[in-house]
Amino acid sequence: MKQIDEITIGADELILWLRKNGKALSSTTDKAHGLGFEISRVMKSLNAEQLNEEPCFWGETGSFIDQYQLPKTAMQYRINVDMLPELYRQLLDL
């Protein structure tokens, strides 16, 4: 079996994880000043490669989108799997 060294993960997935775990609830998802900006900052510090902004898989409608204040589009990143524990540790501080 081939070992995976990197994964692609979107800021939307990270925002959903934060919201579902009761974190960063008062932060907006704004790319300029909110969670999108903070996630970008954390990703850069972990040497993740910024890819493209993509539509989120959950679409544009649904009660959970408003409930969790989720974005409709999100930046995608490629990150080394060994950095995932540190990524989630840093996200908890947002």
N, C-alpha and C. Protein backbone atom coordinates (compact mmCIF):
# COMPACT_ATOMS: atom_id res chain seq x y z
N MET A 1 0.83 -1.17 0.00
CA MET A 1 0.00 0.00 0.00
C MET A 1 0.88 1.25 0.00
N LYS A 2 0.52 2.21 -0.83
CA LYS A 2 1.30 3.44 -0.95
C LYS A 2 1.06 4.34 0.26
N GLN A 3 2.14 4.86 0.81
CA GLN A 3 2.04 5.77 1.96
C GLN A 3 1.67 7.17 1.47
N ILE A 4 0.76 7.82 2.17
CA ILE A 4 0.34 9.17 1.83
C ILE A 4 1.17 10.15 2.65
N ASP A 5 1.83 11.08 1.96
CA ASP A 5 2.65 12.08 2.64
C ASP A 5 1.94 13.42 2.79
N GLU A 6 1.04 13.72 1.85
CA GLU A 6 0.34 15.00 1.87
C GLU A 6 -1.15 14.78 1.62
N ILE A 7 -1.95 15.70 2.14
CA ILE A 7 -3.38 15.69 1.86
C ILE A 7 -3.78 17.10 1.43
N THR A 8 -4.92 17.16 0.77
CA THR A 8 -5.54 18.44 0.46
C THR A 8 -6.70 18.60 1.43
N ILE A 9 -6.74 19.75 2.09
CA ILE A 9 -7.80 20.03 3.06
C ILE A 9 -8.24 21.47 2.86
N GLY A 10 -9.54 21.69 2.98
CA GLY A 10 -10.07 23.03 2.78
C GLY A 10 -10.31 23.75 4.09
N ALA A 11 -10.25 25.07 4.03
CA ALA A 11 -10.57 25.88 5.21
C ALA A 11 -11.99 25.59 5.67
N ASP A 12 -12.89 25.22 4.75
CA ASP A 12 -14.26 24.91 5.12
C ASP A 12 -14.33 23.71 6.07
N GLU A 13 -13.51 22.70 5.81
CA GLU A 13 -13.47 21.53 6.69
C GLU A 13 -12.99 21.90 8.09
N LEU A 14 -12.00 22.79 8.13
CA LEU A 14 -11.44 23.21 9.41
C LEU A 14 -12.43 24.09 10.17
N ILE A 15 -13.14 24.95 9.45
CA ILE A 15 -14.15 25.79 10.10
C ILE A 15 -15.28 24.92 10.64
N LEU A 16 -15.72 23.94 9.87
CA LEU A 16 -16.77 23.04 10.35
C LEU A 16 -16.31 22.31 11.60
N TRP A 17 -15.08 21.81 11.60
CA TRP A 17 -14.55 21.11 12.78
C TRP A 17 -14.55 22.03 14.00
N LEU A 18 -14.10 23.27 13.81
CA LEU A 18 -14.09 24.23 14.92
C LEU A 18 -15.51 24.46 15.45
N ARG A 19 -16.44 24.74 14.55
CA ARG A 19 -17.82 25.05 14.95
C ARG A 19 -18.47 23.85 15.66
N LYS A 20 -18.28 22.65 15.10
CA LYS A 20 -18.90 21.46 15.70
C LYS A 20 -18.35 21.17 17.09
N ASN A 21 -17.15 21.66 17.35
CA ASN A 21 -16.54 21.44 18.66
C ASN A 21 -16.64 22.66 19.57
N GLY A 22 -17.52 23.58 19.19
CA GLY A 22 -17.79 24.74 20.04
C GLY A 22 -16.66 25.75 20.12
N LYS A 23 -15.81 25.80 19.11
CA LYS A 23 -14.66 26.71 19.11
C LYS A 23 -14.87 27.83 18.10
N ALA A 24 -14.27 28.98 18.37
CA ALA A 24 -14.29 30.14 17.46
C ALA A 24 -15.70 30.52 17.05
N LEU A 25 -16.65 30.37 17.94
CA LEU A 25 -18.04 30.64 17.60
C LEU A 25 -18.31 32.12 17.35
N SER A 26 -17.55 32.99 17.96
CA SER A 26 -17.78 34.42 17.77
C SER A 26 -17.00 34.98 16.58
N SER A 27 -16.16 34.17 15.94
CA SER A 27 -15.38 34.62 14.79
C SER A 27 -16.17 34.46 13.51
N THR A 28 -16.02 35.42 12.60
CA THR A 28 -16.64 35.28 11.28
C THR A 28 -15.77 34.37 10.43
N THR A 29 -16.29 34.00 9.26
CA THR A 29 -15.50 33.18 8.34
C THR A 29 -14.78 34.04 7.31
N ASP A 30 -14.81 35.35 7.47
CA ASP A 30 -14.24 36.31 6.52
C ASP A 30 -12.78 36.00 6.21
N LYS A 31 -12.45 36.02 4.90
CA LYS A 31 -11.08 35.73 4.47
C LYS A 31 -10.12 36.86 4.81
N ALA A 32 -10.65 38.07 4.95
CA ALA A 32 -9.78 39.22 5.20
C ALA A 32 -9.44 39.39 6.68
N HIS A 33 -10.37 39.05 7.57
CA HIS A 33 -10.13 39.31 9.00
C HIS A 33 -10.55 38.16 9.92
N GLY A 34 -11.35 37.24 9.45
CA GLY A 34 -11.90 36.21 10.31
C GLY A 34 -11.14 34.90 10.27
N LEU A 35 -11.89 33.80 10.38
CA LEU A 35 -11.27 32.48 10.44
C LEU A 35 -10.50 32.14 9.16
N GLY A 36 -11.02 32.57 8.01
CA GLY A 36 -10.29 32.31 6.77
C GLY A 36 -8.89 32.89 6.80
N PHE A 37 -8.78 34.10 7.32
CA PHE A 37 -7.48 34.76 7.45
C PHE A 37 -6.60 34.01 8.45
N GLU A 38 -7.16 33.66 9.59
CA GLU A 38 -6.39 32.97 10.63
C GLU A 38 -5.94 31.58 10.17
N ILE A 39 -6.82 30.88 9.47
CA ILE A 39 -6.44 29.56 8.95
C ILE A 39 -5.31 29.70 7.94
N SER A 40 -5.39 30.71 7.09
CA SER A 40 -4.32 30.96 6.12
C SER A 40 -3.00 31.21 6.84
N ARG A 41 -3.04 31.99 7.90
CA ARG A 41 -1.83 32.31 8.67
C ARG A 41 -1.24 31.02 9.28
N VAL A 42 -2.09 30.19 9.85
CA VAL A 42 -1.62 28.94 10.45
C VAL A 42 -1.04 28.03 9.38
N MET A 43 -1.72 27.93 8.26
CA MET A 43 -1.24 27.06 7.18
C MET A 43 0.13 27.51 6.68
N LYS A 44 0.32 28.81 6.53
CA LYS A 44 1.62 29.32 6.10
C LYS A 44 2.70 28.96 7.10
N SER A 45 2.38 29.06 8.40
CA SER A 45 3.37 28.75 9.42
C SER A 45 3.76 27.27 9.41
N LEU A 46 2.89 26.43 8.85
CA LEU A 46 3.15 24.98 8.78
C LEU A 46 3.63 24.56 7.39
N ASN A 47 3.99 25.55 6.58
CA ASN A 47 4.51 25.30 5.23
C ASN A 47 3.52 24.57 4.32
N ALA A 48 2.24 24.81 4.52
CA ALA A 48 1.23 24.24 3.63
C ALA A 48 1.21 25.04 2.34
N GLU A 49 0.90 24.38 1.26
CA GLU A 49 0.80 25.04 -0.04
C GLU A 49 -0.64 25.50 -0.25
N GLN A 50 -0.81 26.78 -0.54
CA GLN A 50 -2.14 27.31 -0.83
C GLN A 50 -2.48 26.95 -2.27
N LEU A 51 -3.67 26.38 -2.47
CA LEU A 51 -4.09 25.95 -3.81
C LEU A 51 -5.10 26.95 -4.37
N ASN A 52 -6.34 26.53 -4.54
CA ASN A 52 -7.39 27.37 -5.11
C ASN A 52 -8.57 27.49 -4.17
N GLU A 53 -9.33 28.55 -4.35
CA GLU A 53 -10.60 28.67 -3.64
C GLU A 53 -11.63 27.86 -4.43
N GLU A 54 -12.38 27.04 -3.73
CA GLU A 54 -13.34 26.14 -4.36
C GLU A 54 -14.70 26.26 -3.67
N PRO A 55 -15.78 25.92 -4.38
CA PRO A 55 -17.09 25.86 -3.73
C PRO A 55 -17.09 24.76 -2.66
N CYS A 56 -17.81 24.98 -1.59
CA CYS A 56 -17.89 23.98 -0.53
C CYS A 56 -18.84 22.86 -0.94
N PHE A 57 -18.58 21.66 -0.49
CA PHE A 57 -19.38 20.50 -0.86
C PHE A 57 -20.81 20.57 -0.35
N TRP A 58 -21.06 21.33 0.72
CA TRP A 58 -22.41 21.37 1.27
C TRP A 58 -23.31 22.33 0.51
N GLY A 59 -22.81 22.98 -0.50
CA GLY A 59 -23.64 23.86 -1.32
C GLY A 59 -23.88 25.22 -0.67
N GLU A 60 -24.95 25.86 -1.10
CA GLU A 60 -25.22 27.22 -0.63
C GLU A 60 -26.41 27.33 0.29
N THR A 61 -27.14 26.26 0.48
CA THR A 61 -28.33 26.33 1.34
C THR A 61 -28.34 25.19 2.33
N GLY A 62 -29.08 25.37 3.40
CA GLY A 62 -29.23 24.36 4.43
C GLY A 62 -29.14 25.00 5.80
N SER A 63 -29.95 24.51 6.72
CA SER A 63 -29.99 25.12 8.06
C SER A 63 -28.65 25.02 8.78
N PHE A 64 -27.91 23.94 8.55
CA PHE A 64 -26.62 23.78 9.25
C PHE A 64 -25.60 24.82 8.81
N ILE A 65 -25.74 25.34 7.58
CA ILE A 65 -24.81 26.36 7.10
C ILE A 65 -24.93 27.61 7.98
N ASP A 66 -26.15 28.03 8.23
CA ASP A 66 -26.36 29.17 9.11
C ASP A 66 -26.03 28.82 10.56
N GLN A 67 -26.43 27.62 10.97
CA GLN A 67 -26.19 27.19 12.35
C GLN A 67 -24.70 27.23 12.70
N TYR A 68 -23.86 26.76 11.79
CA TYR A 68 -22.43 26.71 12.05
C TYR A 68 -21.66 27.86 11.39
N GLN A 69 -22.39 28.81 10.78
CA GLN A 69 -21.76 29.96 10.12
C GLN A 69 -20.68 29.50 9.14
N LEU A 70 -21.08 28.64 8.21
CA LEU A 70 -20.14 28.04 7.27
C LEU A 70 -20.05 28.85 5.98
N PRO A 71 -18.88 28.86 5.36
CA PRO A 71 -18.69 29.60 4.10
C PRO A 71 -19.28 28.82 2.92
N LYS A 72 -19.47 29.54 1.81
CA LYS A 72 -19.94 28.91 0.58
C LYS A 72 -18.77 28.52 -0.33
N THR A 73 -17.64 29.20 -0.17
CA THR A 73 -16.42 28.85 -0.87
C THR A 73 -15.28 28.86 0.15
N ALA A 74 -14.23 28.12 -0.14
CA ALA A 74 -13.11 28.06 0.81
C ALA A 74 -11.80 27.75 0.10
N MET A 75 -10.73 28.30 0.64
CA MET A 75 -9.39 28.03 0.13
C MET A 75 -9.02 26.59 0.45
N GLN A 76 -8.32 25.97 -0.48
CA GLN A 76 -7.82 24.61 -0.31
C GLN A 76 -6.31 24.67 -0.07
N TYR A 77 -5.82 23.75 0.72
CA TYR A 77 -4.39 23.70 1.06
C TYR A 77 -3.88 22.28 0.92
N ARG A 78 -2.62 22.14 0.58
CA ARG A 78 -1.93 20.85 0.59
C ARG A 78 -0.95 20.91 1.75
N ILE A 79 -1.04 19.92 2.63
CA ILE A 79 -0.22 19.93 3.84
C ILE A 79 0.32 18.53 4.11
N ASN A 80 1.50 18.48 4.65
CA ASN A 80 2.12 17.21 5.04
C ASN A 80 1.31 16.61 6.18
N VAL A 81 1.01 15.33 6.09
CA VAL A 81 0.18 14.68 7.11
C VAL A 81 0.83 14.71 8.50
N ASP A 82 2.14 14.79 8.55
CA ASP A 82 2.81 14.85 9.84
C ASP A 82 2.52 16.16 10.58
N MET A 83 2.04 17.17 9.84
CA MET A 83 1.75 18.47 10.45
C MET A 83 0.32 18.58 10.97
N LEU A 84 -0.52 17.57 10.73
CA LEU A 84 -1.92 17.65 11.14
C LEU A 84 -2.13 17.82 12.64
N PRO A 85 -1.41 17.10 13.49
CA PRO A 85 -1.62 17.33 14.93
C PRO A 85 -1.32 18.79 15.32
N GLU A 86 -0.26 19.37 14.77
CA GLU A 86 0.08 20.75 15.08
C GLU A 86 -0.96 21.71 14.50
N LEU A 87 -1.47 21.40 13.33
CA LEU A 87 -2.52 22.22 12.73
C LEU A 87 -3.72 22.31 13.66
N TYR A 88 -4.19 21.18 14.13
CA TYR A 88 -5.36 21.18 15.01
C TYR A 88 -5.06 21.81 16.36
N ARG A 89 -3.85 21.65 16.87
CA ARG A 89 -3.48 22.34 18.13
C ARG A 89 -3.55 23.84 17.96
N GLN A 90 -3.01 24.34 16.84
CA GLN A 90 -3.04 25.78 16.61
C GLN A 90 -4.45 26.30 16.36
N LEU A 91 -5.28 25.50 15.71
CA LEU A 91 -6.66 25.93 15.47
C LEU A 91 -7.43 26.10 16.78
N LEU A 92 -7.11 25.29 17.75
CA LEU A 92 -7.80 25.40 19.05
C LEU A 92 -7.53 26.73 19.73
N ASP A 93 -6.45 27.40 19.35
CA ASP A 93 -6.12 28.70 19.94
C ASP A 93 -6.80 29.88 19.24
N LEU A 94 -7.52 29.63 18.15
CA LEU A 94 -8.16 30.72 17.42
C LEU A 94 -9.37 31.27 18.16
